[in-house]
PDB file of N, CA and C in Angstrom:
ATOM      1  N   MET A   1     102.528  99.971  99.986  1.00  0.00           N
ATOM      2  CA  MET A   1     103.625 100.928  99.975  1.00  0.00           C
ATOM      3  C   MET A   1     103.050 102.337  99.933  1.00  0.00           C
ATOM      4  N   THR A   2     103.751 103.239 100.557  1.00  0.00           N
ATOM      5  CA  THR A   2     103.283 104.612 100.585  1.00  0.00           C
ATOM      6  C   THR A   2     103.791 105.374  99.367  1.00  0.00           C
ATOM      7  N   LEU A   3     103.241 106.539  99.184  1.00  0.00           N
ATOM      8  CA  LEU A   3     103.634 107.385  98.059  1.00  0.00           C
ATOM      9  C   LEU A   3     105.088 107.812  98.181  1.00  0.00           C
ATOM     10  N   THR A   4     105.539 108.077  99.387  1.00  0.00           N
ATOM     11  CA  THR A   4     106.922 108.501  99.591  1.00  0.00           C
ATOM     12  C   THR A   4     107.894 107.396  99.204  1.00  0.00           C
ATOM     13  N   THR A   5     107.586 106.168  99.555  1.00  0.00           N
ATOM     14  CA  THR A   5     108.450 105.043  99.203  1.00  0.00           C
ATOM     15  C   THR A   5     108.524 104.876  97.693  1.00  0.00           C
ATOM     16  N   LEU A   6     107.404 104.993  97.030  1.00  0.00           N
ATOM     17  CA  LEU A   6     107.400 104.883  95.570  1.00  0.00           C
ATOM     18  C   LEU A   6     108.204 106.004  94.919  1.00  0.00           C
ATOM     19  N   LEU A   7     108.091 107.216  95.444  1.00  0.00           N
ATOM     20  CA  LEU A   7     108.847 108.338  94.891  1.00  0.00           C
ATOM     21  C   LEU A   7     110.346 108.167  95.101  1.00  0.00           C
ATOM     22  N   VAL A   8     110.743 107.643  96.249  1.00  0.00           N
ATOM     23  CA  VAL A   8     112.167 107.413  96.507  1.00  0.00           C
ATOM     24  C   VAL A   8     112.714 106.354  95.568  1.00  0.00           C
ATOM     25  N   ILE A   9     111.986 105.272  95.377  1.00  0.00           N
ATOM     26  CA  ILE A   9     112.428 104.213  94.457  1.00  0.00           C
ATOM     27  C   ILE A   9     112.523 104.751  93.034  1.00  0.00           C
ATOM     28  N   LEU A  10     111.542 105.510  92.610  1.00  0.00           N
ATOM     29  CA  LEU A  10     111.556 106.102  91.268  1.00  0.00           C
ATOM     30  C   LEU A  10     112.715 107.072  91.107  1.00  0.00           C
ATOM     31  N   LEU A  11     112.985 107.865  92.116  1.00  0.00           N
ATOM     32  CA  LEU A  11     114.079 108.823  92.058  1.00  0.00           C
ATOM     33  C   LEU A  11     115.431 108.124  91.973  1.00  0.00           C
ATOM     34  N   ILE A  12     115.602 107.026  92.702  1.00  0.00           N
ATOM     35  CA  ILE A  12     116.851 106.270  92.626  1.00  0.00           C
ATOM     36  C   ILE A  12     117.049 105.694  91.230  1.00  0.00           C
ATOM     37  N   LEU A  13     115.986 105.173  90.637  1.00  0.00           N
ATOM     38  CA  LEU A  13     116.084 104.643  89.268  1.00  0.00           C
ATOM     39  C   LEU A  13     116.421 105.737  88.266  1.00  0.00           C
ATOM     40  N   ILE A  14     115.841 106.915  88.438  1.00  0.00           N
ATOM     41  CA  ILE A  14     116.138 108.032  87.543  1.00  0.00           C
ATOM     42  C   ILE A  14     117.581 108.484  87.704  1.00  0.00           C
ATOM     43  N   LEU A  15     118.082 108.520  88.944  1.00  0.00           N
ATOM     44  CA  LEU A  15     119.468 108.914  89.173  1.00  0.00           C
ATOM     45  C   LEU A  15     120.449 107.933  88.531  1.00  0.00           C
ATOM     46  N   VAL A  16     120.167 106.648  88.613  1.00  0.00           N
ATOM     47  CA  VAL A  16     121.043 105.659  87.979  1.00  0.00           C
ATOM     48  C   VAL A  16     120.996 105.819  86.456  1.00  0.00           C
ATOM     49  N   GLY A  17     119.824 106.091  85.924  1.00  0.00           N
ATOM     50  CA  GLY A  17     119.704 106.273  84.481  1.00  0.00           C
ATOM     51  C   GLY A  17     120.322 107.551  83.964  1.00  0.00           C
ATOM     52  N   ALA A  18     120.478 108.561  84.832  1.00  0.00           N
ATOM     53  CA  ALA A  18     121.024 109.846  84.408  1.00  0.00           C
ATOM     54  C   ALA A  18     122.546 109.895  84.439  1.00  0.00           C
ATOM     55  N   VAL A  19     123.180 108.875  85.007  1.00  0.00           N
ATOM     56  CA  VAL A  19     124.645 108.846  85.062  1.00  0.00           C
ATOM     57  C   VAL A  19     125.187 108.705  83.641  1.00  0.00           C
ATOM     58  N   PRO A  20     126.055 109.632  83.221  1.00  0.00           N
ATOM     59  CA  PRO A  20     126.536 109.592  81.828  1.00  0.00           C
ATOM     60  C   PRO A  20     127.640 108.565  81.585  1.00  0.00           C
ATOM     61  N   ALA A  21     127.658 107.480  82.333  1.00  0.00           N
ATOM     62  CA  ALA A  21     128.691 106.457  82.146  1.00  0.00           C
ATOM     63  C   ALA A  21     128.299 105.435  81.083  1.00  0.00           C
ATOM     64  N   TRP A  22     127.018 105.397  80.741  1.00  0.00           N
ATOM     65  CA  TRP A  22     126.565 104.432  79.758  1.00  0.00           C
ATOM     66  C   TRP A  22     126.944 104.925  78.361  1.00  0.00           C
ATOM     67  N   PRO A  23     127.365 104.035  77.471  1.00  0.00           N
ATOM     68  CA  PRO A  23     127.812 104.461  76.136  1.00  0.00           C
ATOM     69  C   PRO A  23     126.739 105.199  75.338  1.00  0.00           C
ATOM     70  N   HIS A  24     125.481 104.818  75.490  1.00  0.00           N
ATOM     71  CA  HIS A  24     124.439 105.448  74.691  1.00  0.00           C
ATOM     72  C   HIS A  24     124.050 106.823  75.209  1.00  0.00           C
ATOM     73  N   SER A  25     124.477 107.200  76.426  1.00  0.00           N
ATOM     74  CA  SER A  25     124.049 108.472  76.994  1.00  0.00           C
ATOM     75  C   SER A  25     125.174 109.489  77.138  1.00  0.00           C
ATOM     76  N   ARG A  26     126.326 109.222  76.569  1.00  0.00           N
ATOM     77  CA  ARG A  26     127.445 110.158  76.726  1.00  0.00           C
ATOM     78  C   ARG A  26     127.191 111.487  76.019  1.00  0.00           C
ATOM     79  N   GLY A  27     126.446 111.491  74.960  1.00  0.00           N
ATOM     80  CA  GLY A  27     126.207 112.714  74.207  1.00  0.00           C
ATOM     81  C   GLY A  27     124.998 113.509  74.666  1.00  0.00           C
ATOM     82  N   TRP A  28     124.339 113.095  75.720  1.00  0.00           N
ATOM     83  CA  TRP A  28     123.121 113.771  76.161  1.00  0.00           C
ATOM     84  C   TRP A  28     123.398 115.073  76.889  1.00  0.00           C
ATOM     85  N   GLY A  29     124.600 115.259  77.401  1.00  0.00           N
ATOM     86  CA  GLY A  29     124.933 116.482  78.117  1.00  0.00           C
ATOM     87  C   GLY A  29     124.283 116.536  79.489  1.00  0.00           C
ATOM     88  N   TYR A  30     123.835 117.742  79.860  1.00  0.00           N
ATOM     89  CA  TYR A  30     123.276 117.941  81.198  1.00  0.00           C
ATOM     90  C   TYR A  30     121.766 117.740  81.252  1.00  0.00           C
ATOM     91  N   GLY A  31     121.152 117.329  80.190  1.00  0.00           N
ATOM     92  CA  GLY A  31     119.704 117.168  80.151  1.00  0.00           C
ATOM     93  C   GLY A  31     119.128 116.256  81.215  1.00  0.00           C
ATOM     94  N   PRO A  32     119.546 114.996  81.274  1.00  0.00           N
ATOM     95  CA  PRO A  32     118.971 114.095  82.278  1.00  0.00           C
ATOM     96  C   PRO A  32     119.235 114.526  83.720  1.00  0.00           C
ATOM     97  N   SER A  33     120.440 115.004  84.006  1.00  0.00           N
ATOM     98  CA  SER A  33     120.724 115.423  85.376  1.00  0.00           C
ATOM     99  C   SER A  33     119.983 116.704  85.719  1.00  0.00           C
ATOM    100  N   GLY A  34     119.719 117.552  84.739  1.00  0.00           N
ATOM    101  CA  GLY A  34     118.923 118.747  84.983  1.00  0.00           C
ATOM    102  C   GLY A  34     117.480 118.404  85.315  1.00  0.00           C
ATOM    103  N   ILE A  35     116.944 117.423  84.631  1.00  0.00           N
ATOM    104  CA  ILE A  35     115.572 116.972  84.908  1.00  0.00           C
ATOM    105  C   ILE A  35     115.502 116.352  86.298  1.00  0.00           C
ATOM    106  N   VAL A  36     116.510 115.568  86.654  1.00  0.00           N
ATOM    107  CA  VAL A  36     116.542 114.974  87.992  1.00  0.00           C
ATOM    108  C   VAL A  36     116.632 116.070  89.046  1.00  0.00           C
ATOM    109  N   GLY A  37     117.410 117.099  88.787  1.00  0.00           N
ATOM    110  CA  GLY A  37     117.514 118.221  89.718  1.00  0.00           C
ATOM    111  C   GLY A  37     116.188 118.932  89.918  1.00  0.00           C
ATOM    112  N   ILE A  38     115.450 119.142  88.841  1.00  0.00           N
ATOM    113  CA  ILE A  38     114.140 119.788  88.941  1.00  0.00           C
ATOM    114  C   ILE A  38     113.178 118.911  89.740  1.00  0.00           C
ATOM    115  N   ILE A  39     113.205 117.607  89.493  1.00  0.00           N
ATOM    116  CA  ILE A  39     112.348 116.690  90.253  1.00  0.00           C
ATOM    117  C   ILE A  39     112.707 116.733  91.735  1.00  0.00           C
ATOM    118  N   LEU A  40     114.010 116.774  92.047  1.00  0.00           N
ATOM    119  CA  LEU A  40     114.435 116.851  93.443  1.00  0.00           C
ATOM    120  C   LEU A  40     113.963 118.137  94.110  1.00  0.00           C
ATOM    121  N   ILE A  41     114.042 119.249  93.405  1.00  0.00           N
ATOM    122  CA  ILE A  41     113.597 120.528  93.960  1.00  0.00           C
ATOM    123  C   ILE A  41     112.101 120.505  94.216  1.00  0.00           C
ATOM    124  N   VAL A  42     111.333 119.982  93.279  1.00  0.00           N
ATOM    125  CA  VAL A  42     109.877 119.912  93.460  1.00  0.00           C
ATOM    126  C   VAL A  42     109.528 119.015  94.639  1.00  0.00           C
ATOM    127  N   LEU A  43     110.188 117.852  94.736  1.00  0.00           N
ATOM    128  CA  LEU A  43     109.929 116.953  95.862  1.00  0.00           C
ATOM    129  C   LEU A  43     110.325 117.581  97.193  1.00  0.00           C
ATOM    130  N   LEU A  44     111.419 118.318  97.214  1.00  0.00           N
ATOM    131  CA  LEU A  44     111.836 118.991  98.437  1.00  0.00           C
ATOM    132  C   LEU A  44     110.841 120.047  98.857  1.00  0.00           C
ATOM    133  N   ILE A  45     110.334 120.822  97.914  1.00  0.00           N
ATOM    134  CA  ILE A  45     109.333 121.829  98.220  1.00  0.00           C
ATOM    135  C   ILE A  45     108.039 121.173  98.736  1.00  0.00           C
ATOM    136  N   LEU A  46     107.607 120.103  98.085  1.00  0.00           N
ATOM    137  CA  LEU A  46     106.414 119.397  98.543  1.00  0.00           C
ATOM    138  C   LEU A  46     106.624 118.806  99.935  1.00  0.00           C
ATOM    139  N   LEU A  47     107.825 118.291 100.190  1.00  0.00           N
ATOM    140  CA  LEU A  47     108.113 117.725 101.506  1.00  0.00           C
ATOM    141  C   LEU A  47     108.085 118.805 102.582  1.00  0.00           C
ATOM    142  N   LEU A  48     108.653 119.957 102.286  1.00  0.00           N
ATOM    143  CA  LEU A  48     108.678 121.053 103.255  1.00  0.00           C
ATOM    144  C   LEU A  48     107.279 121.628 103.498  1.00  0.00           C
ATOM    145  N   MET A  49     106.428 121.578 102.490  1.00  0.00           N
ATOM    146  CA  MET A  49     105.066 122.082 102.647  1.00  0.00           C
ATOM    147  C   MET A  49     104.163 121.064 103.325  1.00  0.00           C
ATOM    148  N   GLY A  50     104.632 119.835 103.478  1.00  0.00           N
ATOM    149  CA  GLY A  50     103.852 118.801 104.136  1.00  0.00           C
ATOM    150  C   GLY A  50     102.870 118.106 103.240  1.00  0.00           C
ATOM    151  N   ARG A  51     103.043 118.191 101.940  1.00  0.00           N
ATOM    152  CA  ARG A  51     102.125 117.552 100.992  1.00  0.00           C
ATOM    153  C   ARG A  51     102.458 116.098 100.770  1.00  0.00           C
ATOM    154  N   ILE A  52     103.674 115.683 101.097  1.00  0.00           N
ATOM    155  CA  ILE A  52     104.092 114.286 100.902  1.00  0.00           C
ATOM    156  C   ILE A  52     104.220 113.644 102.267  1.00  0.00           C
TER     157      ILE A  52
END
């Protein structure tokens, strides 16, 4: 598997985990989705620069 495939799979798992529908994560606020957003921005910048 390539690095891009692994990053996409990891990102999908993080997105599912950041959904505030789970009872234990309702009080977390915007923290998990903010982290996912930062990861998406970094990956987008790396993709545009041709590093991935």
